[in-house]
Amino acid sequence: MTLFLALVLDALLGEPKWLWSRMPHPAVLMGNLIARATSMFNHAPHQKPKGVILCIGLAGLGGLAGLVLAQLGPLAEILVTAILVAQKSL
């Protein structure tokens, strides 16, 4: 239900240009974080173990963000999901 409502909200309102022209979109920030972490850890020696640790760390960070978001309630979940789906702008 959360995803359905987020998709409807994003389809109706889209991404506000006035907001994302002043600050980077959260999906862009996440991509930048992954790119920076990859450039720091994706090289020899021990490339594979560092990659595994990086994946576990990023997944854990995402899980922690999800737990915090769940504490804020369903409206916050719908709003954040609508922003991250970005079906019209990204």
N, C-alpha and C. Protein backbone atom coordinates (compact mmCIF):
# COMPACT_ATOMS: atom_id res chain seq x y z
N MET A 1 0.83 -1.19 0.00
CA MET A 1 0.00 0.00 0.00
C MET A 1 0.87 1.27 0.00
N THR A 2 1.98 1.20 0.75
CA THR A 2 2.88 2.35 0.80
C THR A 2 3.42 2.68 -0.59
N LEU A 3 3.87 1.66 -1.30
CA LEU A 3 4.42 1.88 -2.64
C LEU A 3 3.35 2.41 -3.59
N PHE A 4 2.15 1.86 -3.53
CA PHE A 4 1.07 2.31 -4.39
C PHE A 4 0.76 3.79 -4.15
N LEU A 5 0.61 4.16 -2.88
CA LEU A 5 0.31 5.56 -2.55
C LEU A 5 1.47 6.48 -2.93
N ALA A 6 2.71 6.00 -2.77
CA ALA A 6 3.86 6.81 -3.16
C ALA A 6 3.89 7.02 -4.67
N LEU A 7 3.58 5.99 -5.44
CA LEU A 7 3.54 6.12 -6.89
C LEU A 7 2.45 7.09 -7.33
N VAL A 8 1.30 7.02 -6.69
CA VAL A 8 0.21 7.95 -7.01
C VAL A 8 0.63 9.38 -6.67
N LEU A 9 1.22 9.56 -5.50
CA LEU A 9 1.66 10.90 -5.09
C LEU A 9 2.71 11.45 -6.05
N ASP A 10 3.67 10.62 -6.43
CA ASP A 10 4.70 11.07 -7.36
C ASP A 10 4.12 11.35 -8.74
N ALA A 11 3.16 10.56 -9.17
CA ALA A 11 2.54 10.79 -10.47
C ALA A 11 1.74 12.10 -10.47
N LEU A 12 1.09 12.40 -9.36
CA LEU A 12 0.29 13.62 -9.29
C LEU A 12 1.14 14.88 -9.13
N LEU A 13 2.13 14.81 -8.27
CA LEU A 13 2.91 16.01 -7.94
C LEU A 13 4.25 16.09 -8.64
N GLY A 14 4.84 14.94 -8.95
CA GLY A 14 6.16 14.94 -9.56
C GLY A 14 7.21 15.45 -8.59
N GLU A 15 8.33 15.85 -9.15
CA GLU A 15 9.43 16.37 -8.34
C GLU A 15 9.44 17.89 -8.44
N PRO A 16 9.37 18.59 -7.33
CA PRO A 16 9.36 20.06 -7.39
C PRO A 16 10.72 20.61 -7.83
N LYS A 17 10.72 21.27 -9.00
CA LYS A 17 11.97 21.82 -9.54
C LYS A 17 12.56 22.88 -8.62
N TRP A 18 11.71 23.65 -7.94
CA TRP A 18 12.21 24.70 -7.06
C TRP A 18 13.04 24.11 -5.92
N LEU A 19 12.72 22.90 -5.50
CA LEU A 19 13.46 22.29 -4.40
C LEU A 19 14.74 21.63 -4.90
N TRP A 20 14.64 20.81 -5.95
CA TRP A 20 15.81 20.05 -6.40
C TRP A 20 16.77 20.90 -7.23
N SER A 21 16.39 22.12 -7.59
CA SER A 21 17.36 23.02 -8.22
C SER A 21 18.22 23.70 -7.16
N ARG A 22 17.77 23.69 -5.92
CA ARG A 22 18.51 24.31 -4.82
C ARG A 22 19.37 23.32 -4.05
N MET A 23 19.02 22.05 -4.12
CA MET A 23 19.76 21.02 -3.40
C MET A 23 19.73 19.73 -4.21
N PRO A 24 20.71 18.84 -4.00
CA PRO A 24 20.72 17.61 -4.78
C PRO A 24 19.61 16.66 -4.34
N HIS A 25 19.09 15.91 -5.30
CA HIS A 25 18.06 14.92 -5.03
C HIS A 25 18.67 13.81 -4.17
N PRO A 26 17.92 13.23 -3.22
CA PRO A 26 18.46 12.16 -2.39
C PRO A 26 19.01 10.97 -3.19
N ALA A 27 18.40 10.65 -4.32
CA ALA A 27 18.92 9.56 -5.15
C ALA A 27 20.30 9.91 -5.70
N VAL A 28 20.53 11.18 -6.01
CA VAL A 28 21.84 11.64 -6.47
C VAL A 28 22.85 11.54 -5.33
N LEU A 29 22.44 11.92 -4.13
CA LEU A 29 23.33 11.82 -2.97
C LEU A 29 23.73 10.37 -2.71
N MET A 30 22.77 9.45 -2.82
CA MET A 30 23.08 8.03 -2.62
C MET A 30 24.04 7.53 -3.70
N GLY A 31 23.83 7.94 -4.93
CA GLY A 31 24.74 7.56 -6.01
C GLY A 31 26.14 8.10 -5.79
N ASN A 32 26.23 9.33 -5.32
CA ASN A 32 27.54 9.92 -5.02
C ASN A 32 28.24 9.18 -3.89
N LEU A 33 27.49 8.78 -2.86
CA LEU A 33 28.05 8.02 -1.75
C LEU A 33 28.61 6.69 -2.24
N ILE A 34 27.85 5.99 -3.06
CA ILE A 34 28.29 4.71 -3.59
C ILE A 34 29.51 4.89 -4.48
N ALA A 35 29.51 5.91 -5.32
CA ALA A 35 30.65 6.16 -6.21
C ALA A 35 31.91 6.48 -5.41
N ARG A 36 31.78 7.30 -4.39
CA ARG A 36 32.94 7.65 -3.56
C ARG A 36 33.46 6.43 -2.81
N ALA A 37 32.55 5.65 -2.24
CA ALA A 37 32.97 4.45 -1.51
C ALA A 37 33.63 3.45 -2.46
N THR A 38 33.11 3.31 -3.66
CA THR A 38 33.69 2.39 -4.64
C THR A 38 35.10 2.83 -5.01
N SER A 39 35.29 4.12 -5.25
CA SER A 39 36.62 4.60 -5.62
C SER A 39 37.61 4.43 -4.48
N MET A 40 37.14 4.46 -3.25
CA MET A 40 38.02 4.30 -2.10
C MET A 40 38.41 2.84 -1.87
N PHE A 41 37.47 1.91 -2.13
CA PHE A 41 37.69 0.52 -1.74
C PHE A 41 37.85 -0.45 -2.89
N ASN A 42 37.52 -0.06 -4.11
CA ASN A 42 37.51 -1.00 -5.22
C ASN A 42 38.86 -1.04 -5.94
N HIS A 43 39.89 -1.46 -5.22
CA HIS A 43 41.21 -1.61 -5.81
C HIS A 43 42.00 -2.63 -5.00
N ALA A 44 43.04 -3.17 -5.63
CA ALA A 44 43.86 -4.18 -4.97
C ALA A 44 44.71 -3.50 -3.90
N PRO A 45 45.21 -4.16 -2.93
CA PRO A 45 44.99 -5.57 -2.63
C PRO A 45 43.69 -5.77 -1.85
N HIS A 46 43.30 -7.00 -1.75
CA HIS A 46 42.10 -7.41 -1.00
C HIS A 46 40.83 -6.75 -1.52
N GLN A 47 40.71 -6.68 -2.82
CA GLN A 47 39.57 -6.00 -3.45
C GLN A 47 38.24 -6.69 -3.10
N LYS A 48 38.20 -8.00 -3.19
CA LYS A 48 36.95 -8.71 -2.95
C LYS A 48 36.48 -8.58 -1.50
N PRO A 49 37.31 -8.79 -0.48
CA PRO A 49 36.83 -8.62 0.90
C PRO A 49 36.38 -7.19 1.19
N LYS A 50 37.10 -6.22 0.63
CA LYS A 50 36.69 -4.82 0.83
C LYS A 50 35.35 -4.55 0.18
N GLY A 51 35.11 -5.16 -0.99
CA GLY A 51 33.82 -5.00 -1.65
C GLY A 51 32.69 -5.61 -0.86
N VAL A 52 32.95 -6.78 -0.27
CA VAL A 52 31.93 -7.43 0.56
C VAL A 52 31.61 -6.57 1.78
N ILE A 53 32.65 -6.06 2.43
CA ILE A 53 32.43 -5.20 3.60
C ILE A 53 31.68 -3.94 3.20
N LEU A 54 32.02 -3.37 2.05
CA LEU A 54 31.32 -2.17 1.56
C LEU A 54 29.85 -2.46 1.31
N CYS A 55 29.55 -3.58 0.66
CA CYS A 55 28.15 -3.94 0.39
C CYS A 55 27.37 -4.14 1.68
N ILE A 56 27.98 -4.84 2.63
CA ILE A 56 27.31 -5.06 3.92
C ILE A 56 27.09 -3.73 4.64
N GLY A 57 28.10 -2.86 4.60
CA GLY A 57 27.97 -1.56 5.26
C GLY A 57 26.88 -0.70 4.63
N LEU A 58 26.84 -0.65 3.29
CA LEU A 58 25.81 0.16 2.63
C LEU A 58 24.42 -0.42 2.85
N ALA A 59 24.31 -1.74 2.82
CA ALA A 59 23.01 -2.37 3.10
C ALA A 59 22.58 -2.11 4.54
N GLY A 60 23.53 -2.18 5.46
CA GLY A 60 23.23 -1.88 6.86
C GLY A 60 22.79 -0.45 7.06
N LEU A 61 23.45 0.47 6.36
CA LEU A 61 23.07 1.88 6.43
C LEU A 61 21.65 2.09 5.90
N GLY A 62 21.34 1.41 4.81
CA GLY A 62 19.98 1.49 4.26
C GLY A 62 18.96 0.90 5.20
N GLY A 63 19.31 -0.22 5.83
CA GLY A 63 18.40 -0.84 6.80
C GLY A 63 18.17 0.05 8.01
N LEU A 64 19.23 0.68 8.48
CA LEU A 64 19.10 1.61 9.60
C LEU A 64 18.21 2.79 9.24
N ALA A 65 18.39 3.32 8.03
CA ALA A 65 17.54 4.42 7.58
C ALA A 65 16.08 3.97 7.51
N GLY A 66 15.86 2.74 7.06
CA GLY A 66 14.50 2.20 7.02
C GLY A 66 13.88 2.06 8.40
N LEU A 67 14.66 1.63 9.37
CA LEU A 67 14.14 1.50 10.74
C LEU A 67 13.78 2.87 11.32
N VAL A 68 14.62 3.85 11.08
CA VAL A 68 14.33 5.21 11.55
C VAL A 68 13.07 5.74 10.87
N LEU A 69 12.97 5.52 9.57
CA LEU A 69 11.81 5.98 8.82
C LEU A 69 10.53 5.30 9.31
N ALA A 70 10.60 4.03 9.62
CA ALA A 70 9.43 3.30 10.10
C ALA A 70 8.91 3.87 11.42
N GLN A 71 9.82 4.41 12.23
CA GLN A 71 9.42 5.02 13.49
C GLN A 71 8.67 6.33 13.29
N LEU A 72 8.87 6.96 12.14
CA LEU A 72 8.22 8.24 11.87
C LEU A 72 6.78 8.08 11.40
N GLY A 73 6.41 6.86 10.99
CA GLY A 73 5.02 6.60 10.61
C GLY A 73 4.82 6.43 9.13
N PRO A 74 3.63 5.97 8.76
CA PRO A 74 3.35 5.65 7.35
C PRO A 74 3.35 6.87 6.42
N LEU A 75 2.96 8.02 6.91
CA LEU A 75 2.96 9.21 6.05
C LEU A 75 4.39 9.57 5.63
N ALA A 76 5.32 9.49 6.56
CA ALA A 76 6.73 9.76 6.25
C ALA A 76 7.25 8.72 5.27
N GLU A 77 6.87 7.46 5.44
CA GLU A 77 7.30 6.40 4.53
C GLU A 77 6.79 6.67 3.11
N ILE A 78 5.55 7.08 3.00
CA ILE A 78 4.96 7.36 1.68
C ILE A 78 5.68 8.54 1.03
N LEU A 79 5.92 9.59 1.79
CA LEU A 79 6.57 10.78 1.26
C LEU A 79 8.00 10.48 0.79
N VAL A 80 8.77 9.79 1.61
CA VAL A 80 10.15 9.47 1.25
C VAL A 80 10.18 8.52 0.06
N THR A 81 9.28 7.55 0.04
CA THR A 81 9.23 6.62 -1.10
C THR A 81 8.87 7.36 -2.38
N ALA A 82 7.93 8.29 -2.31
CA ALA A 82 7.56 9.08 -3.49
C ALA A 82 8.75 9.90 -4.00
N ILE A 83 9.55 10.42 -3.09
CA ILE A 83 10.72 11.19 -3.48
C ILE A 83 11.76 10.29 -4.13
N LEU A 84 12.00 9.12 -3.53
CA LEU A 84 13.05 8.24 -4.04
C LEU A 84 12.65 7.52 -5.32
N VAL A 85 11.36 7.31 -5.55
CA VAL A 85 10.94 6.66 -6.80
C VAL A 85 11.29 7.55 -7.97
N ALA A 86 11.00 8.82 -7.88
CA ALA A 86 11.37 9.83 -8.89
C ALA A 86 11.08 9.36 -10.30
N GLN A 87 9.87 8.87 -10.53
CA GLN A 87 9.53 8.33 -11.84
C GLN A 87 9.43 9.37 -12.93
N LYS A 88 9.28 10.63 -12.58
CA LYS A 88 9.18 11.67 -13.60
C LYS A 88 10.49 12.41 -13.84
N SER A 89 11.32 12.55 -12.82
CA SER A 89 12.46 13.45 -12.96
C SER A 89 13.79 12.76 -13.20
N LEU A 90 14.00 11.58 -12.67
CA LEU A 90 15.31 10.96 -12.84
C LEU A 90 15.19 9.94 -13.90
